[in-house]
C-alpha atoms as a PDB file:
ATOM      1  CA  UNK A   1      81.940  63.340  58.151  1.00  0.00           C
ATOM      2  CA  UNK A   2      83.772  65.031  55.322  1.00  0.00           C
ATOM      3  CA  UNK A   3      86.420  62.821  53.761  1.00  0.00           C
ATOM      4  CA  UNK A   4      90.074  63.767  54.089  1.00  0.00           C
ATOM      5  CA  UNK A   5      91.637  64.621  50.758  1.00  0.00           C
ATOM      6  CA  UNK A   6      94.862  62.897  49.791  1.00  0.00           C
ATOM      7  CA  UNK A   7      98.002  64.978  49.990  1.00  0.00           C
ATOM      8  CA  UNK A   8      98.081  66.504  46.507  1.00  0.00           C
ATOM      9  CA  UNK A   9      94.387  67.355  46.469  1.00  0.00           C
ATOM     10  CA  UNK A  10      94.185  68.939  49.890  1.00  0.00           C
ATOM     11  CA  UNK A  11      97.302  71.014  49.318  1.00  0.00           C
ATOM     12  CA  UNK A  12      95.913  72.262  46.031  1.00  0.00           C
ATOM     13  CA  UNK A  13      92.584  73.043  47.665  1.00  0.00           C
ATOM     14  CA  UNK A  14      94.353  75.059  50.344  1.00  0.00           C
ATOM     15  CA  UNK A  15      96.246  77.054  47.718  1.00  0.00           C
ATOM     16  CA  UNK A  16      99.578  76.453  49.434  1.00  0.00           C
ATOM     17  CA  UNK A  17     103.015  77.489  48.207  1.00  0.00           C
ATOM     18  CA  UNK A  18     106.192  76.127  49.711  1.00  0.00           C
ATOM     19  CA  UNK A  19     108.069  78.365  52.110  1.00  0.00           C
ATOM     20  CA  UNK A  20     111.712  77.319  52.137  1.00  0.00           C
ATOM     21  CA  UNK A  21     110.934  73.826  50.836  1.00  0.00           C
ATOM     22  CA  UNK A  22     110.449  72.080  47.516  1.00  0.00           C
ATOM     23  CA  UNK A  23     107.957  69.597  48.900  1.00  0.00           C
ATOM     24  CA  UNK A  24     104.759  71.451  47.967  1.00  0.00           C
ATOM     25  CA  UNK A  25     104.066  71.336  44.262  1.00  0.00           C
ATOM     26  CA  UNK A  26     100.567  69.872  44.079  1.00  0.00           C
ATOM     27  CA  UNK A  27      99.061  68.446  40.936  1.00  0.00           C
ATOM     28  CA  UNK A  28      95.414  67.803  40.257  1.00  0.00           C
ATOM     29  CA  UNK A  29      94.892  64.802  42.469  1.00  0.00           C
ATOM     30  CA  UNK A  30      91.830  62.761  43.299  1.00  0.00           C
ATOM     31  CA  UNK A  31      90.308  61.225  46.373  1.00  0.00           C
ATOM     32  CA  UNK A  32      91.889  57.855  47.201  1.00  0.00           C
ATOM     33  CA  UNK A  33      88.936  55.854  45.922  1.00  0.00           C
ATOM     34  CA  UNK A  34      89.147  57.615  42.560  1.00  0.00           C
ATOM     35  CA  UNK A  35      92.872  56.916  42.067  1.00  0.00           C
ATOM     36  CA  UNK A  36      95.679  59.306  41.206  1.00  0.00           C
ATOM     37  CA  UNK A  37      97.812  57.347  38.765  1.00  0.00           C
ATOM     38  CA  UNK A  38      97.757  60.153  36.178  1.00  0.00           C
ATOM     39  CA  UNK A  39      99.714  62.571  38.383  1.00  0.00           C
ATOM     40  CA  UNK A  40     103.356  62.909  37.361  1.00  0.00           C
ATOM     41  CA  UNK A  41     105.651  61.623  40.118  1.00  0.00           C
ATOM     42  CA  UNK A  42     108.319  63.956  41.493  1.00  0.00           C
ATOM     43  CA  UNK A  43     110.554  61.955  43.795  1.00  0.00           C
ATOM     44  CA  UNK A  44     113.270  63.980  45.517  1.00  0.00           C
ATOM     45  CA  UNK A  45     116.234  62.556  47.398  1.00  0.00           C
ATOM     46  CA  UNK A  46     116.711  63.685  50.971  1.00  0.00           C
ATOM     47  CA  UNK A  47     118.568  62.878  54.166  1.00  0.00           C
ATOM     48  CA  UNK A  48     117.444  63.016  57.797  1.00  0.00           C
ATOM     49  CA  UNK A  49     119.818  64.357  60.405  1.00  0.00           C
ATOM     50  CA  UNK A  50     118.915  61.222  62.390  1.00  0.00           C
ATOM     51  CA  UNK A  51     121.047  59.260  59.922  1.00  0.00           C
ATOM     52  CA  UNK A  52     124.118  60.703  61.663  1.00  0.00           C
ATOM     53  CA  UNK A  53     122.842  60.363  65.221  1.00  0.00           C
ATOM     54  CA  UNK A  54     126.014  58.567  66.416  1.00  0.00           C
ATOM     55  CA  UNK A  55     127.951  61.691  65.513  1.00  0.00           C
ATOM     56  CA  UNK A  56     125.326  64.267  66.518  1.00  0.00           C
ATOM     57  CA  UNK A  57     124.534  62.813  69.958  1.00  0.00           C
ATOM     58  CA  UNK A  58     128.101  63.078  71.369  1.00  0.00           C
ATOM     59  CA  UNK A  59     128.703  66.423  69.674  1.00  0.00           C
ATOM     60  CA  UNK A  60     131.152  65.158  67.053  1.00  0.00           C
ATOM     61  CA  UNK A  61     128.907  66.769  64.429  1.00  0.00           C
ATOM     62  CA  UNK A  62     126.722  69.890  64.623  1.00  0.00           C
ATOM     63  CA  UNK A  63     123.570  70.568  62.629  1.00  0.00           C
ATOM     64  CA  UNK A  64     125.576  72.964  60.476  1.00  0.00           C
ATOM     65  CA  UNK A  65     128.088  70.154  59.838  1.00  0.00           C
ATOM     66  CA  UNK A  66     125.205  67.904  58.821  1.00  0.00           C
ATOM     67  CA  UNK A  67     123.986  70.498  56.303  1.00  0.00           C
ATOM     68  CA  UNK A  68     127.418  70.579  54.701  1.00  0.00           C
ATOM     69  CA  UNK A  69     127.527  66.780  54.676  1.00  0.00           C
ATOM     70  CA  UNK A  70     124.150  66.780  52.873  1.00  0.00           C
ATOM     71  CA  UNK A  71     125.579  69.144  50.242  1.00  0.00           C
ATOM     72  CA  UNK A  72     128.473  66.718  49.823  1.00  0.00           C
ATOM     73  CA  UNK A  73     126.008  63.839  49.413  1.00  0.00           C
ATOM     74  CA  UNK A  74     124.166  65.768  46.711  1.00  0.00           C
ATOM     75  CA  UNK A  75     120.662  65.298  48.121  1.00  0.00           C
ATOM     76  CA  UNK A  76     117.765  67.580  47.233  1.00  0.00           C
ATOM     77  CA  UNK A  77     116.862  68.451  50.821  1.00  0.00           C
ATOM     78  CA  UNK A  78     117.351  67.809  54.538  1.00  0.00           C
ATOM     79  CA  UNK A  79     115.060  66.734  57.352  1.00  0.00           C
ATOM     80  CA  UNK A  80     116.142  68.551  60.518  1.00  0.00           C
ATOM     81  CA  UNK A  81     115.861  66.228  63.525  1.00  0.00           C
ATOM     82  CA  UNK A  82     115.161  68.698  66.306  1.00  0.00           C
ATOM     83  CA  UNK A  83     116.899  66.651  69.019  1.00  0.00           C
ATOM     84  CA  UNK A  84     120.257  68.110  67.986  1.00  0.00           C
ATOM     85  CA  UNK A  85     119.360  71.742  67.477  1.00  0.00           C
ATOM     86  CA  UNK A  86     121.295  73.866  69.959  1.00  0.00           C
ATOM     87  CA  UNK A  87     118.271  76.049  70.719  1.00  0.00           C
ATOM     88  CA  UNK A  88     115.095  77.535  69.296  1.00  0.00           C
ATOM     89  CA  UNK A  89     116.395  81.073  69.560  1.00  0.00           C
ATOM     90  CA  UNK A  90     115.789  83.153  66.411  1.00  0.00           C
ATOM     91  CA  UNK A  91     119.458  84.046  65.949  1.00  0.00           C
ATOM     92  CA  UNK A  92     120.514  80.388  65.870  1.00  0.00           C
ATOM     93  CA  UNK A  93     117.675  79.207  63.621  1.00  0.00           C
ATOM     94  CA  UNK A  94     118.133  82.132  61.244  1.00  0.00           C
ATOM     95  CA  UNK A  95     121.825  81.266  61.034  1.00  0.00           C
ATOM     96  CA  UNK A  96     121.007  77.700  59.959  1.00  0.00           C
ATOM     97  CA  UNK A  97     118.436  78.991  57.501  1.00  0.00           C
ATOM     98  CA  UNK A  98     121.008  81.320  55.982  1.00  0.00           C
ATOM     99  CA  UNK A  99     123.618  78.556  55.770  1.00  0.00           C
ATOM    100  CA  UNK A 100     121.170  76.240  53.996  1.00  0.00           C
ATOM    101  CA  UNK A 101     120.172  78.952  51.533  1.00  0.00           C
ATOM    102  CA  UNK A 102     123.798  79.789  50.716  1.00  0.00           C
ATOM    103  CA  UNK A 103     124.327  76.161  49.731  1.00  0.00           C
ATOM    104  CA  UNK A 104     121.054  75.753  47.816  1.00  0.00           C
ATOM    105  CA  UNK A 105     119.788  73.245  50.360  1.00  0.00           C
ATOM    106  CA  UNK A 106     115.989  73.149  50.885  1.00  0.00           C
ATOM    107  CA  UNK A 107     114.356  71.789  54.025  1.00  0.00           C
ATOM    108  CA  UNK A 108     112.117  68.749  53.615  1.00  0.00           C
ATOM    109  CA  UNK A 109     110.960  69.346  57.172  1.00  0.00           C
ATOM    110  CA  UNK A 110     111.639  69.289  60.903  1.00  0.00           C
ATOM    111  CA  UNK A 111     111.193  66.177  63.076  1.00  0.00           C
ATOM    112  CA  UNK A 112     110.094  66.515  66.704  1.00  0.00           C
ATOM    113  CA  UNK A 113     109.166  64.171  69.561  1.00  0.00           C
ATOM    114  CA  UNK A 114     105.512  64.080  70.624  1.00  0.00           C
ATOM    115  CA  UNK A 115     103.205  61.722  72.530  1.00  0.00           C
ATOM    116  CA  UNK A 116      99.764  62.810  71.339  1.00  0.00           C
ATOM    117  CA  UNK A 117      98.039  59.601  72.463  1.00  0.00           C
ATOM    118  CA  UNK A 118      97.332  60.695  76.053  1.00  0.00           C
ATOM    119  CA  UNK A 119      94.263  59.778  78.112  1.00  0.00           C
ATOM    120  CA  UNK A 120      94.826  62.729  80.459  1.00  0.00           C
ATOM    121  CA  UNK A 121      93.460  66.002  78.992  1.00  0.00           C
ATOM    122  CA  UNK A 122      96.156  67.990  80.804  1.00  0.00           C
ATOM    123  CA  UNK A 123      98.868  65.906  79.142  1.00  0.00           C
ATOM    124  CA  UNK A 124      97.229  66.391  75.750  1.00  0.00           C
ATOM    125  CA  UNK A 125      97.251  70.131  76.364  1.00  0.00           C
ATOM    126  CA  UNK A 126     100.957  69.974  77.230  1.00  0.00           C
ATOM    127  CA  UNK A 127     101.644  68.104  73.975  1.00  0.00           C
ATOM    128  CA  UNK A 128      99.693  70.729  72.065  1.00  0.00           C
ATOM    129  CA  UNK A 129     101.774  73.490  73.667  1.00  0.00           C
ATOM    130  CA  UNK A 130     104.954  71.647  72.681  1.00  0.00           C
ATOM    131  CA  UNK A 131     103.840  71.332  69.049  1.00  0.00           C
ATOM    132  CA  UNK A 132     102.929  75.025  68.928  1.00  0.00           C
ATOM    133  CA  UNK A 133     106.411  75.866  70.210  1.00  0.00           C
ATOM    134  CA  UNK A 134     107.958  73.855  67.399  1.00  0.00           C
ATOM    135  CA  UNK A 135     105.630  75.340  64.806  1.00  0.00           C
ATOM    136  CA  UNK A 136     107.003  78.746  65.783  1.00  0.00           C
ATOM    137  CA  UNK A 137     110.582  77.457  65.606  1.00  0.00           C
ATOM    138  CA  UNK A 138     109.963  75.789  62.239  1.00  0.00           C
ATOM    139  CA  UNK A 139     108.649  79.037  60.852  1.00  0.00           C
ATOM    140  CA  UNK A 140     111.865  80.754  61.953  1.00  0.00           C
ATOM    141  CA  UNK A 141     113.922  78.030  60.313  1.00  0.00           C
ATOM    142  CA  UNK A 142     111.968  78.386  57.087  1.00  0.00           C
ATOM    143  CA  UNK A 143     110.597  74.850  56.737  1.00  0.00           C
ATOM    144  CA  UNK A 144     107.050  73.858  55.764  1.00  0.00           C
ATOM    145  CA  UNK A 145     106.613  70.469  57.416  1.00  0.00           C
ATOM    146  CA  UNK A 146     106.861  68.971  60.909  1.00  0.00           C
ATOM    147  CA  UNK A 147     107.000  65.267  61.729  1.00  0.00           C
ATOM    148  CA  UNK A 148     104.974  64.378  64.843  1.00  0.00           C
ATOM    149  CA  UNK A 149     104.508  61.073  66.681  1.00  0.00           C
ATOM    150  CA  UNK A 150     101.144  59.613  67.657  1.00  0.00           C
ATOM    151  CA  UNK A 151     102.582  57.904  70.705  1.00  0.00           C
ATOM    152  CA  UNK A 152     101.880  54.772  72.752  1.00  0.00           C
ATOM    153  CA  UNK A 153      98.400  53.762  73.853  1.00  0.00           C
ATOM    154  CA  UNK A 154      98.216  54.009  77.680  1.00  0.00           C
ATOM    155  CA  UNK A 155      97.732  50.775  79.634  1.00  0.00           C
ATOM    156  CA  UNK A 156      94.129  49.649  79.422  1.00  0.00           C
ATOM    157  CA  UNK A 157      93.370  51.831  76.406  1.00  0.00           C
ATOM    158  CA  UNK A 158      92.065  50.662  73.048  1.00  0.00           C
ATOM    159  CA  UNK A 159      92.998  51.560  69.493  1.00  0.00           C
ATOM    160  CA  UNK A 160      89.719  53.446  69.133  1.00  0.00           C
ATOM    161  CA  UNK A 161      90.447  55.539  72.224  1.00  0.00           C
ATOM    162  CA  UNK A 162      94.024  56.137  71.083  1.00  0.00           C
ATOM    163  CA  UNK A 163      92.798  57.399  67.722  1.00  0.00           C
ATOM    164  CA  UNK A 164      90.459  59.862  69.443  1.00  0.00           C
ATOM    165  CA  UNK A 165      93.117  61.103  71.879  1.00  0.00           C
ATOM    166  CA  UNK A 166      95.686  61.621  69.125  1.00  0.00           C
ATOM    167  CA  UNK A 167      93.161  63.388  66.899  1.00  0.00           C
ATOM    168  CA  UNK A 168      92.046  65.645  69.754  1.00  0.00           C
ATOM    169  CA  UNK A 169      95.635  66.889  70.031  1.00  0.00           C
ATOM    170  CA  UNK A 170      96.518  66.969  66.349  1.00  0.00           C
ATOM    171  CA  UNK A 171      93.439  68.892  65.168  1.00  0.00           C
ATOM    172  CA  UNK A 172      94.073  72.116  67.157  1.00  0.00           C
ATOM    173  CA  UNK A 173      97.798  71.707  66.438  1.00  0.00           C
ATOM    174  CA  UNK A 174      97.022  71.717  62.709  1.00  0.00           C
ATOM    175  CA  UNK A 175      94.761  74.735  63.167  1.00  0.00           C
ATOM    176  CA  UNK A 176      97.705  76.584  64.714  1.00  0.00           C
ATOM    177  CA  UNK A 177     100.194  75.325  62.112  1.00  0.00           C
ATOM    178  CA  UNK A 178      97.843  76.467  59.345  1.00  0.00           C
ATOM    179  CA  UNK A 179      98.337  80.059  60.475  1.00  0.00           C
ATOM    180  CA  UNK A 180     102.034  79.649  59.621  1.00  0.00           C
ATOM    181  CA  UNK A 181     101.512  77.641  56.418  1.00  0.00           C
ATOM    182  CA  UNK A 182     103.068  74.559  58.050  1.00  0.00           C
ATOM    183  CA  UNK A 183     101.889  70.966  57.619  1.00  0.00           C
ATOM    184  CA  UNK A 184     101.988  68.313  60.351  1.00  0.00           C
ATOM    185  CA  UNK A 185     102.809  64.768  59.242  1.00  0.00           C
ATOM    186  CA  UNK A 186     102.012  62.032  61.750  1.00  0.00           C
ATOM    187  CA  UNK A 187     104.644  59.328  61.362  1.00  0.00           C
ATOM    188  CA  UNK A 188     103.979  55.658  60.796  1.00  0.00           C
ATOM    189  CA  UNK A 189     105.881  54.562  63.868  1.00  0.00           C
ATOM    190  CA  UNK A 190     105.158  52.633  67.060  1.00  0.00           C
ATOM    191  CA  UNK A 191     102.080  52.523  69.272  1.00  0.00           C
ATOM    192  CA  UNK A 192      98.898  53.974  67.823  1.00  0.00           C
ATOM    193  CA  UNK A 193     100.537  54.576  64.429  1.00  0.00           C
ATOM    194  CA  UNK A 194     101.911  51.055  63.959  1.00  0.00           C
ATOM    195  CA  UNK A 195      98.856  50.310  61.799  1.00  0.00           C
ATOM    196  CA  UNK A 196      97.961  52.205  58.630  1.00  0.00           C
ATOM    197  CA  UNK A 197      94.276  51.921  59.509  1.00  0.00           C
ATOM    198  CA  UNK A 198      94.806  53.899  62.730  1.00  0.00           C
ATOM    199  CA  UNK A 199      96.707  56.639  60.903  1.00  0.00           C
ATOM    200  CA  UNK A 200      93.908  56.950  58.360  1.00  0.00           C
ATOM    201  CA  UNK A 201      91.336  57.119  61.157  1.00  0.00           C
ATOM    202  CA  UNK A 202      93.278  59.918  62.881  1.00  0.00           C
ATOM    203  CA  UNK A 203      93.602  61.907  59.652  1.00  0.00           C
ATOM    204  CA  UNK A 204      89.886  61.586  58.922  1.00  0.00           C
ATOM    205  CA  UNK A 205      89.055  62.879  62.393  1.00  0.00           C
ATOM    206  CA  UNK A 206      91.529  65.753  62.146  1.00  0.00           C
ATOM    207  CA  UNK A 207      90.088  66.572  58.710  1.00  0.00           C
ATOM    208  CA  UNK A 208      92.569  69.325  57.842  1.00  0.00           C
ATOM    209  CA  UNK A 209      94.523  70.243  54.692  1.00  0.00           C
ATOM    210  CA  UNK A 210      97.456  70.809  57.069  1.00  0.00           C
ATOM    211  CA  UNK A 211      97.485  67.185  58.291  1.00  0.00           C
ATOM    212  CA  UNK A 212      99.151  64.245  56.575  1.00  0.00           C
ATOM    213  CA  UNK A 213     101.396  61.245  57.088  1.00  0.00           C
ATOM    214  CA  UNK A 214     105.152  61.275  57.504  1.00  0.00           C
ATOM    215  CA  UNK A 215     105.424  57.874  55.876  1.00  0.00           C
ATOM    216  CA  UNK A 216     108.277  55.783  57.289  1.00  0.00           C
ATOM    217  CA  UNK A 217     108.282  52.705  55.058  1.00  0.00           C
ATOM    218  CA  UNK A 218     110.201  50.565  57.569  1.00  0.00           C
ATOM    219  CA  UNK A 219     107.932  50.696  60.611  1.00  0.00           C
ATOM    220  CA  UNK A 220     105.263  48.142  59.731  1.00  0.00           C
ATOM    221  CA  UNK A 221     105.862  44.664  61.132  1.00  0.00           C
ATOM    222  CA  UNK A 222     103.343  42.984  58.829  1.00  0.00           C
ATOM    223  CA  UNK A 223     102.544  43.401  55.132  1.00  0.00           C
ATOM    224  CA  UNK A 224     104.537  46.659  54.749  1.00  0.00           C
ATOM    225  CA  UNK A 225     103.849  47.043  51.014  1.00  0.00           C
ATOM    226  CA  UNK A 226     100.059  47.059  51.382  1.00  0.00           C
ATOM    227  CA  UNK A 227     100.142  49.359  54.414  1.00  0.00           C
ATOM    228  CA  UNK A 228     102.533  51.814  52.768  1.00  0.00           C
ATOM    229  CA  UNK A 229     100.475  51.808  49.576  1.00  0.00           C
ATOM    230  CA  UNK A 230      97.308  52.726  51.491  1.00  0.00           C
ATOM    231  CA  UNK A 231      99.041  55.765  52.986  1.00  0.00           C
ATOM    232  CA  UNK A 232     100.840  57.144  49.930  1.00  0.00           C
ATOM    233  CA  UNK A 233      97.885  59.395  48.952  1.00  0.00           C
ATOM    234  CA  UNK A 234      98.238  61.078  52.367  1.00  0.00           C
ATOM    235  CA  UNK A 235     102.052  61.186  52.475  1.00  0.00           C
ATOM    236  CA  UNK A 236     103.575  64.596  53.114  1.00  0.00           C
ATOM    237  CA  UNK A 237     107.128  63.325  53.585  1.00  0.00           C
ATOM    238  CA  UNK A 238     108.800  59.908  53.461  1.00  0.00           C
ATOM    239  CA  UNK A 239     111.522  58.267  55.565  1.00  0.00           C
ATOM    240  CA  UNK A 240     113.550  55.559  53.864  1.00  0.00           C
ATOM    241  CA  UNK A 241     115.266  52.546  55.359  1.00  0.00           C
ATOM    242  CA  UNK A 242     115.922  49.269  53.561  1.00  0.00           C
ATOM    243  CA  UNK A 243     114.475  46.950  56.205  1.00  0.00           C
ATOM    244  CA  UNK A 244     111.311  46.331  58.179  1.00  0.00           C
ATOM    245  CA  UNK A 245     110.102  44.324  61.158  1.00  0.00           C
ATOM    246  CA  UNK A 246     111.693  42.531  64.097  1.00  0.00           C
ATOM    247  CA  UNK A 247     113.805  40.610  63.324  1.00  0.00           C
ATOM    248  CA  UNK A 248     114.840  42.840  60.453  1.00  0.00           C
ATOM    249  CA  UNK A 249     113.849  41.767  56.974  1.00  0.00           C
ATOM    250  CA  UNK A 250     114.953  43.353  53.711  1.00  0.00           C
ATOM    251  CA  UNK A 251     112.658  45.782  51.921  1.00  0.00           C
ATOM    252  CA  UNK A 252     112.445  45.799  48.133  1.00  0.00           C
ATOM    253  CA  UNK A 253     113.087  49.498  47.532  1.00  0.00           C
ATOM    254  CA  UNK A 254     112.473  49.226  43.800  1.00  0.00           C
ATOM    255  CA  UNK A 255     108.992  47.864  44.524  1.00  0.00           C
ATOM    256  CA  UNK A 256     108.399  50.723  46.963  1.00  0.00           C
ATOM    257  CA  UNK A 257     109.433  53.331  44.389  1.00  0.00           C
ATOM    258  CA  UNK A 258     107.132  51.771  41.820  1.00  0.00           C
ATOM    259  CA  UNK A 259     104.202  52.256  44.204  1.00  0.00           C
ATOM    260  CA  UNK A 260     105.085  55.884  44.917  1.00  0.00           C
ATOM    261  CA  UNK A 261     105.517  56.604  41.208  1.00  0.00           C
ATOM    262  CA  UNK A 262     102.244  54.905  40.287  1.00  0.00           C
ATOM    263  CA  UNK A 263     100.436  57.007  42.899  1.00  0.00           C
ATOM    264  CA  UNK A 264     101.967  60.191  41.500  1.00  0.00           C
ATOM    265  CA  UNK A 265     103.704  61.080  44.758  1.00  0.00           C
ATOM    266  CA  UNK A 266     105.504  64.417  44.736  1.00  0.00           C
ATOM    267  CA  UNK A 267     107.900  64.910  47.606  1.00  0.00           C
ATOM    268  CA  UNK A 268     111.012  63.834  49.454  1.00  0.00           C
ATOM    269  CA  UNK A 269     112.327  60.303  49.893  1.00  0.00           C
ATOM    270  CA  UNK A 270     114.574  61.003  52.876  1.00  0.00           C
ATOM    271  CA  UNK A 271     117.197  58.523  54.007  1.00  0.00           C
ATOM    272  CA  UNK A 272     116.964  57.742  57.718  1.00  0.00           C
ATOM    273  CA  UNK A 273     119.833  55.320  58.189  1.00  0.00           C
ATOM    274  CA  UNK A 274     119.777  53.067  61.245  1.00  0.00           C
ATOM    275  CA  UNK A 275     122.280  50.263  60.957  1.00  0.00           C
ATOM    276  CA  UNK A 276     125.472  48.869  62.421  1.00  0.00           C
ATOM    277  CA  UNK A 277     127.887  50.092  59.751  1.00  0.00           C
ATOM    278  CA  UNK A 278     129.574  53.433  60.390  1.00  0.00           C
ATOM    279  CA  UNK A 279     127.328  56.224  59.176  1.00  0.00           C
ATOM    280  CA  UNK A 280     130.102  57.948  57.267  1.00  0.00           C
ATOM    281  CA  UNK A 281     130.314  54.990  54.892  1.00  0.00           C
ATOM    282  CA  UNK A 282     126.793  53.565  55.114  1.00  0.00           C
ATOM    283  CA  UNK A 283     124.721  56.714  54.573  1.00  0.00           C
ATOM    284  CA  UNK A 284     126.306  57.573  51.197  1.00  0.00           C
ATOM    285  CA  UNK A 285     125.548  54.032  49.982  1.00  0.00           C
ATOM    286  CA  UNK A 286     121.846  54.295  50.871  1.00  0.00           C
ATOM    287  CA  UNK A 287     121.669  57.853  49.522  1.00  0.00           C
ATOM    288  CA  UNK A 288     123.083  56.681  46.199  1.00  0.00           C
ATOM    289  CA  UNK A 289     120.433  53.964  46.000  1.00  0.00           C
ATOM    290  CA  UNK A 290     117.714  56.523  46.709  1.00  0.00           C
ATOM    291  CA  UNK A 291     119.072  58.972  44.131  1.00  0.00           C
ATOM    292  CA  UNK A 292     119.207  56.245  41.487  1.00  0.00           C
ATOM    293  CA  UNK A 293     115.619  55.184  42.190  1.00  0.00           C
ATOM    294  CA  UNK A 294     114.365  58.776  42.122  1.00  0.00           C
ATOM    295  CA  UNK A 295     116.020  59.237  38.736  1.00  0.00           C
ATOM    296  CA  UNK A 296     114.644  55.913  37.482  1.00  0.00           C
ATOM    297  CA  UNK A 297     111.060  56.650  38.427  1.00  0.00           C
ATOM    298  CA  UNK A 298     110.777  60.426  38.114  1.00  0.00           C
ATOM    299  CA  UNK A 299     113.926  61.771  36.403  1.00  0.00           C
ATOM    300  CA  UNK A 300     114.796  63.847  39.495  1.00  0.00           C
END
């Protein structure tokens, strides 16, 4: 089976240019086993709409309000959590796209809910239809990346089966997304994607330059530094929290940034706050930490 190229290499091979996003700026990368330490890191600060979920869920904040808040925070881009979009109608999405452009605010991507790990072929087909719908909406919005979830392994299933089921859904989804120039990043999350090894297995089976990993650094319960490091060559977008595991343990963000810089990562480091402190005071604090680290390790 042909090996999956890491993010920079497969994007360069595909000859992609970013559409409404700064995330695609590939350098001459190498396959993971060859290393990529010579690539110049480009670490961009970002913020996920999910960071303000306690305001977005009850309607105290709209997606347009979030965009303006991101401008106030001074981040380089926004990740649009689809849960709080009013609709997928062209008029609405074009309005958000216009608002973002007027304020010089690129999209790091769109985040959607999926459950690709389905034993039932009919359910996998339904998930594929859902992803295609969001690929169309993302194109209207003007973003170049979609976060997808692998999902939970059904009762009685194995990791190996879950990998196959997720790949069977993600591969045709990537084929469709490729027609729009959009990349799908499977998130390191729960279920089948709680292990870096499973994510790598899925990406190798999908074997597409339009497939990668939406790398959430906080979602590994064990040895997060080693698991994150193994996925950085495939990272298409990154979600940042400052904790991991249950119970929560502190993450050394400086150590994380060192790994991304060493690997020559070029892309967004998007804050996805999830804590007890009020988001209006907590998010700016985490954003400022992210901005300082991006400047420290890549002068961005």
